[in-house]
């Protein structure tokens, strides 16, 4: 029995409840795992399409149904969720993402850094940027911001993403605005095939490589460098304890099984030249950490 502030608090009532919750979760896990994975994946996809189910449930249930995939192949686990617009993807909709007021502070901060980098070069971002690619563009809302405010001279703005639903919704939204942005459904791991040698002045990949293991992320960076004329811009998870550039290998953020990478090392190993970087450790801006790396192909 614990006493304090005139109240009595009995651990006898808490322990059984905690034990009961653990037993319930264990039983649920056993029941879930007794169902073949292919069936569970089908159920997860079905849940994601039911708008009458609260978003919080559409966010969590598909992850619970397929979480054993993480142990077998964490890349495939994240890919399954994204390409079927599940879990974290359900928070992405045209209504909630398009418009300057809906762009996250961390992204606005990144664009401020992009502007500073261009100001230090002979490149005028308002006149000299004709083509832009965003890898992992979702609905294309950041490309729309670039089209309207950031790269007014751009004649080609292209985005690729594995999320078919997001791409479709983005295409429909952009058609109504008269935008020239082109969105395509594509796995970033096959980017080299999709682009077939096409190059862009600026290539963005923001908060996307965290869903790939180290070797896969390095491969995608090599593809992007090959298709970059002037500047490749990456953002990812910041290592909280020390600068990412000191990481000997990628580590896992245990909360969601995503990856903390050393972009600096990956870029150098793939022949890129780093022109600017920013690391803010565990500092949070709208719940996002700050790790930006800007690079160009070494030959430029």
Protein backbone atom coordinates (compact mmCIF):
# COMPACT_ATOMS: atom_id res chain seq x y z
CA UNK A 1 0.00 0.00 0.00
CA UNK A 2 1.36 3.44 -1.00
CA UNK A 3 0.29 6.63 0.80
CA UNK A 4 0.58 10.24 -0.27
CA UNK A 5 -1.36 13.52 -0.03
CA UNK A 6 -4.01 11.83 2.07
CA UNK A 7 -4.77 9.22 -0.58
CA UNK A 8 -4.21 5.51 -0.57
CA UNK A 9 -2.93 3.80 -3.69
CA UNK A 10 -3.01 0.05 -4.02
CA UNK A 11 -0.71 -1.77 -6.45
CA UNK A 12 -3.03 -4.78 -6.12
CA UNK A 13 -5.47 -3.15 -8.54
CA UNK A 14 -2.83 -2.13 -11.13
CA UNK A 15 -0.80 -5.31 -11.47
CA UNK A 16 -3.73 -7.51 -12.50
CA UNK A 17 -4.80 -4.91 -15.05
CA UNK A 18 -1.28 -4.72 -16.53
CA UNK A 19 -1.07 -8.48 -16.59
CA UNK A 20 -4.48 -8.64 -18.21
CA UNK A 21 -3.39 -6.22 -20.95
CA UNK A 22 -0.21 -8.21 -21.59
CA UNK A 23 -2.18 -11.42 -21.83
CA UNK A 24 -4.71 -9.84 -24.16
CA UNK A 25 -1.96 -8.49 -26.44
CA UNK A 26 -0.22 -11.86 -26.42
CA UNK A 27 -3.44 -13.61 -27.41
CA UNK A 28 -4.09 -11.07 -30.18
CA UNK A 29 -0.56 -11.59 -31.51
CA UNK A 30 -0.99 -15.38 -31.49
CA UNK A 31 -4.32 -15.08 -33.30
CA UNK A 32 -2.89 -12.67 -35.88
CA UNK A 33 0.13 -14.87 -36.56
CA UNK A 34 -2.11 -17.92 -36.98
CA UNK A 35 -3.54 -16.26 -40.11
CA UNK A 36 -1.39 -16.60 -43.27
CA UNK A 37 0.49 -13.39 -44.11
CA UNK A 38 -1.10 -13.04 -47.55
CA UNK A 39 -4.56 -12.99 -45.97
CA UNK A 40 -3.46 -10.50 -43.33
CA UNK A 41 -2.03 -8.23 -46.05
CA UNK A 42 -5.35 -8.40 -47.87
CA UNK A 43 -7.20 -7.44 -44.66
CA UNK A 44 -4.77 -4.59 -44.03
CA UNK A 45 -5.34 -3.20 -47.52
CA UNK A 46 -9.12 -3.50 -47.06
CA UNK A 47 -8.94 -1.63 -43.74
CA UNK A 48 -6.97 1.17 -45.35
CA UNK A 49 -9.77 1.78 -47.87
CA UNK A 50 -12.56 2.02 -45.30
CA UNK A 51 -13.03 5.72 -44.60
CA UNK A 52 -15.67 4.95 -41.96
CA UNK A 53 -12.92 3.45 -39.78
CA UNK A 54 -11.25 6.16 -37.65
CA UNK A 55 -7.94 7.31 -39.11
CA UNK A 56 -6.08 6.27 -35.94
CA UNK A 57 -7.23 2.67 -36.48
CA UNK A 58 -6.44 2.74 -40.20
CA UNK A 59 -3.00 3.96 -39.13
CA UNK A 60 -2.29 1.29 -36.51
CA UNK A 61 -4.18 -1.87 -37.48
CA UNK A 62 -2.35 -2.56 -40.78
CA UNK A 63 0.97 -2.27 -38.92
CA UNK A 64 -0.17 -4.74 -36.26
CA UNK A 65 -1.42 -7.16 -38.90
CA UNK A 66 1.88 -7.21 -40.78
CA UNK A 67 4.52 -6.39 -38.18
CA UNK A 68 6.17 -9.82 -38.50
CA UNK A 69 7.25 -8.68 -41.99
CA UNK A 70 9.74 -6.36 -40.28
CA UNK A 71 11.71 -9.32 -38.98
CA UNK A 72 11.93 -10.91 -42.43
CA UNK A 73 12.56 -7.82 -44.59
CA UNK A 74 12.06 -4.35 -43.15
CA UNK A 75 12.40 -2.77 -46.61
CA UNK A 76 9.51 -4.83 -47.93
CA UNK A 77 7.47 -4.02 -44.82
CA UNK A 78 7.74 -0.26 -45.34
CA UNK A 79 7.25 -0.65 -49.09
CA UNK A 80 4.06 -2.65 -48.56
CA UNK A 81 2.60 0.05 -46.29
CA UNK A 82 3.50 2.95 -48.58
CA UNK A 83 2.50 1.41 -51.90
CA UNK A 84 -0.92 0.53 -50.46
CA UNK A 85 -1.42 3.93 -48.78
CA UNK A 86 -1.46 2.37 -45.31
CA UNK A 87 -0.34 3.35 -41.79
CA UNK A 88 1.53 6.70 -41.92
CA UNK A 89 0.37 7.19 -45.54
CA UNK A 90 -3.29 7.63 -44.48
CA UNK A 91 -2.42 11.08 -43.10
CA UNK A 92 -1.60 12.28 -46.63
CA UNK A 93 -4.49 13.86 -48.54
CA UNK A 94 -4.75 16.79 -50.93
CA UNK A 95 -6.91 18.73 -48.48
CA UNK A 96 -4.41 18.40 -45.62
CA UNK A 97 -1.16 18.81 -47.58
CA UNK A 98 -1.57 21.32 -50.42
CA UNK A 99 -1.20 25.02 -49.72
CA UNK A 100 1.61 27.03 -48.14
CA UNK A 101 -0.16 27.00 -44.77
CA UNK A 102 -0.04 23.20 -44.69
CA UNK A 103 3.67 22.82 -45.44
CA UNK A 104 5.57 21.71 -42.36
CA UNK A 105 7.93 24.16 -40.68
CA UNK A 106 10.86 21.80 -41.18
CA UNK A 107 10.27 21.87 -44.96
CA UNK A 108 9.99 25.67 -44.99
CA UNK A 109 13.23 25.76 -43.04
CA UNK A 110 14.85 23.49 -45.64
CA UNK A 111 13.76 25.78 -48.49
CA UNK A 112 15.30 28.72 -46.65
CA UNK A 113 18.57 26.76 -46.59
CA UNK A 114 18.22 25.96 -50.30
CA UNK A 115 17.81 29.67 -51.01
CA UNK A 116 20.98 30.47 -49.03
CA UNK A 117 22.97 27.88 -50.97
CA UNK A 118 21.85 29.32 -54.31
CA UNK A 119 22.68 32.84 -53.13
CA UNK A 120 26.28 31.72 -52.55
CA UNK A 121 26.59 30.39 -56.11
CA UNK A 122 26.36 31.91 -59.56
CA UNK A 123 23.05 30.08 -60.06
CA UNK A 124 19.91 32.18 -59.87
CA UNK A 125 17.16 29.90 -58.58
CA UNK A 126 14.45 32.13 -60.08
CA UNK A 127 15.95 32.20 -63.59
CA UNK A 128 18.40 29.32 -64.00
CA UNK A 129 16.43 26.28 -62.82
CA UNK A 130 14.51 24.67 -65.66
CA UNK A 131 13.93 21.13 -64.39
CA UNK A 132 13.13 19.68 -60.95
CA UNK A 133 12.62 16.10 -59.75
CA UNK A 134 11.27 15.03 -56.37
CA UNK A 135 11.86 11.41 -55.38
CA UNK A 136 9.18 10.30 -52.93
CA UNK A 137 6.84 13.17 -53.78
CA UNK A 138 3.61 11.68 -52.36
CA UNK A 139 0.80 13.97 -53.62
CA UNK A 140 3.21 16.44 -55.20
CA UNK A 141 2.38 19.29 -52.80
CA UNK A 142 6.02 20.37 -52.37
CA UNK A 143 6.47 20.41 -56.14
CA UNK A 144 3.44 22.69 -56.33
CA UNK A 145 5.06 25.04 -53.83
CA UNK A 146 8.25 25.01 -55.95
CA UNK A 147 6.25 25.70 -59.10
CA UNK A 148 4.36 28.63 -57.58
CA UNK A 149 6.99 30.28 -55.41
CA UNK A 150 10.47 28.83 -55.60
CA UNK A 151 11.47 27.91 -59.16
CA UNK A 152 9.32 30.15 -61.40
CA UNK A 153 11.48 29.44 -64.46
CA UNK A 154 11.09 25.65 -64.22
CA UNK A 155 9.48 24.13 -67.31
CA UNK A 156 9.73 20.54 -66.09
CA UNK A 157 8.63 19.48 -62.61
CA UNK A 158 8.36 15.76 -62.05
CA UNK A 159 7.61 13.65 -59.00
CA UNK A 160 7.75 9.91 -58.44
CA UNK A 161 6.32 7.88 -55.58
CA UNK A 162 5.37 4.27 -54.89
CA UNK A 163 2.01 5.29 -53.38
CA UNK A 164 -0.46 4.86 -56.26
CA UNK A 165 -3.35 6.43 -54.36
CA UNK A 166 -1.36 9.54 -53.47
CA UNK A 167 -0.14 9.90 -57.06
CA UNK A 168 -3.67 9.55 -58.43
CA UNK A 169 -5.10 12.07 -55.96
CA UNK A 170 -2.24 14.47 -56.66
CA UNK A 171 -2.74 14.23 -60.44
CA UNK A 172 -6.45 15.01 -60.08
CA UNK A 173 -5.77 17.97 -57.82
CA UNK A 174 -3.04 19.42 -60.05
CA UNK A 175 -5.20 19.13 -63.18
CA UNK A 176 -7.70 21.51 -61.61
CA UNK A 177 -4.97 24.09 -60.95
CA UNK A 178 -3.54 24.06 -64.47
CA UNK A 179 -0.18 22.89 -63.13
CA UNK A 180 2.54 21.50 -65.43
CA UNK A 181 3.75 19.08 -62.73
CA UNK A 182 3.99 15.46 -63.86
CA UNK A 183 3.50 12.73 -61.26
CA UNK A 184 4.37 9.08 -61.82
CA UNK A 185 3.96 5.94 -59.78
CA UNK A 186 7.44 4.48 -59.43
CA UNK A 187 9.58 2.63 -56.91
CA UNK A 188 12.62 4.77 -56.18
CA UNK A 189 14.75 1.64 -56.28
CA UNK A 190 14.02 1.43 -60.02
CA UNK A 191 14.54 5.17 -60.59
CA UNK A 192 17.38 4.60 -63.09
CA UNK A 193 15.04 2.60 -65.34
CA UNK A 194 12.24 5.16 -65.12
CA UNK A 195 14.46 8.13 -65.95
CA UNK A 196 16.57 6.31 -68.55
CA UNK A 197 19.38 8.88 -68.42
CA UNK A 198 17.16 11.98 -68.12
CA UNK A 199 18.81 14.68 -65.99
CA UNK A 200 17.32 17.42 -63.80
CA UNK A 201 18.83 20.68 -62.58
CA UNK A 202 17.69 19.98 -59.00
CA UNK A 203 16.71 16.67 -57.40
CA UNK A 204 14.98 16.49 -54.01
CA UNK A 205 14.59 13.44 -51.76
CA UNK A 206 13.13 14.50 -48.43
CA UNK A 207 12.37 12.17 -45.53
CA UNK A 208 12.22 9.13 -47.80
CA UNK A 209 15.49 7.21 -47.59
CA UNK A 210 14.75 6.45 -43.94
CA UNK A 211 12.54 3.62 -45.19
CA UNK A 212 15.43 1.85 -46.92
CA UNK A 213 18.27 -0.17 -45.47
CA UNK A 214 21.79 1.18 -45.92
CA UNK A 215 22.76 -0.61 -49.15
CA UNK A 216 19.43 0.18 -50.78
CA UNK A 217 19.62 3.85 -49.75
CA UNK A 218 23.16 4.12 -51.13
CA UNK A 219 22.01 2.67 -54.44
CA UNK A 220 19.18 5.21 -54.73
CA UNK A 221 21.61 8.05 -53.95
CA UNK A 222 23.88 6.83 -56.76
CA UNK A 223 20.90 6.89 -59.16
CA UNK A 224 19.95 10.41 -58.10
CA UNK A 225 23.49 11.74 -58.49
CA UNK A 226 23.66 10.34 -62.02
CA UNK A 227 20.45 12.21 -62.86
CA UNK A 228 21.41 15.50 -61.19
CA UNK A 229 22.86 18.43 -63.14
CA UNK A 230 23.33 21.04 -60.45
CA UNK A 231 22.14 20.10 -56.96
CA UNK A 232 20.91 17.03 -55.07
CA UNK A 233 19.08 17.85 -51.83
CA UNK A 234 18.53 15.22 -49.15
CA UNK A 235 16.89 15.30 -45.74
CA UNK A 236 16.73 12.42 -43.29
CA UNK A 237 16.64 11.44 -39.66
CA UNK A 238 19.29 13.14 -37.53
CA UNK A 239 21.28 10.90 -35.23
CA UNK A 240 20.49 12.34 -31.79
CA UNK A 241 23.77 11.73 -29.96
CA UNK A 242 26.41 12.73 -32.51
CA UNK A 243 26.61 13.97 -36.10
CA UNK A 244 25.41 11.55 -38.78
CA UNK A 245 28.66 11.97 -40.69
CA UNK A 246 30.41 10.10 -37.87
CA UNK A 247 28.19 7.02 -38.22
CA UNK A 248 30.16 4.00 -39.38
CA UNK A 249 26.96 2.31 -40.51
CA UNK A 250 23.25 3.08 -40.56
CA UNK A 251 21.31 2.55 -37.35
CA UNK A 252 17.65 1.83 -36.67
CA UNK A 253 15.17 4.12 -34.95
CA UNK A 254 13.37 1.53 -32.84
CA UNK A 255 10.10 3.45 -32.54
CA UNK A 256 9.17 2.71 -36.17
CA UNK A 257 12.01 0.58 -37.56
CA UNK A 258 13.25 3.36 -39.84
CA UNK A 259 16.89 4.09 -40.64
CA UNK A 260 19.32 6.81 -39.59
CA UNK A 261 21.86 7.14 -42.41
CA UNK A 262 25.21 8.80 -43.03
CA UNK A 263 24.33 10.63 -46.27
CA UNK A 264 27.70 12.38 -46.28
CA UNK A 265 29.58 9.12 -46.60
CA UNK A 266 27.15 7.66 -49.14
CA UNK A 267 27.47 10.72 -51.38
CA UNK A 268 31.27 10.72 -51.24
CA UNK A 269 31.43 7.00 -51.97
CA UNK A 270 29.22 7.51 -55.03
CA UNK A 271 31.40 10.29 -56.41
CA UNK A 272 29.36 13.26 -55.22
CA UNK A 273 30.68 16.53 -53.84
CA UNK A 274 29.01 17.94 -50.71
CA UNK A 275 28.40 21.68 -50.96
CA UNK A 276 26.35 22.24 -47.79
CA UNK A 277 25.06 20.31 -44.80
CA UNK A 278 23.20 20.95 -41.56
CA UNK A 279 22.78 18.67 -38.56
CA UNK A 280 20.79 19.65 -35.47
CA UNK A 281 20.91 16.43 -33.43
CA UNK A 282 17.83 15.87 -31.29
CA UNK A 283 16.40 19.34 -31.96
CA UNK A 284 12.82 19.01 -33.24
CA UNK A 285 10.99 21.24 -35.70
CA UNK A 286 7.32 20.16 -35.90
CA UNK A 287 8.46 16.76 -34.56
CA UNK A 288 11.07 16.37 -37.34
CA UNK A 289 14.82 16.34 -36.82
CA UNK A 290 17.19 18.40 -38.98
CA UNK A 291 19.74 16.60 -41.15
CA UNK A 292 20.18 18.20 -44.57
CA UNK A 293 22.88 17.39 -47.10
CA UNK A 294 23.25 19.21 -50.42
CA UNK A 295 25.52 17.72 -53.08
CA UNK A 296 26.43 17.89 -56.74
CA UNK A 297 28.02 15.43 -59.10
CA UNK A 298 31.78 15.71 -58.71
CA UNK A 299 32.25 16.47 -62.40
CA UNK A 300 30.24 19.70 -62.03
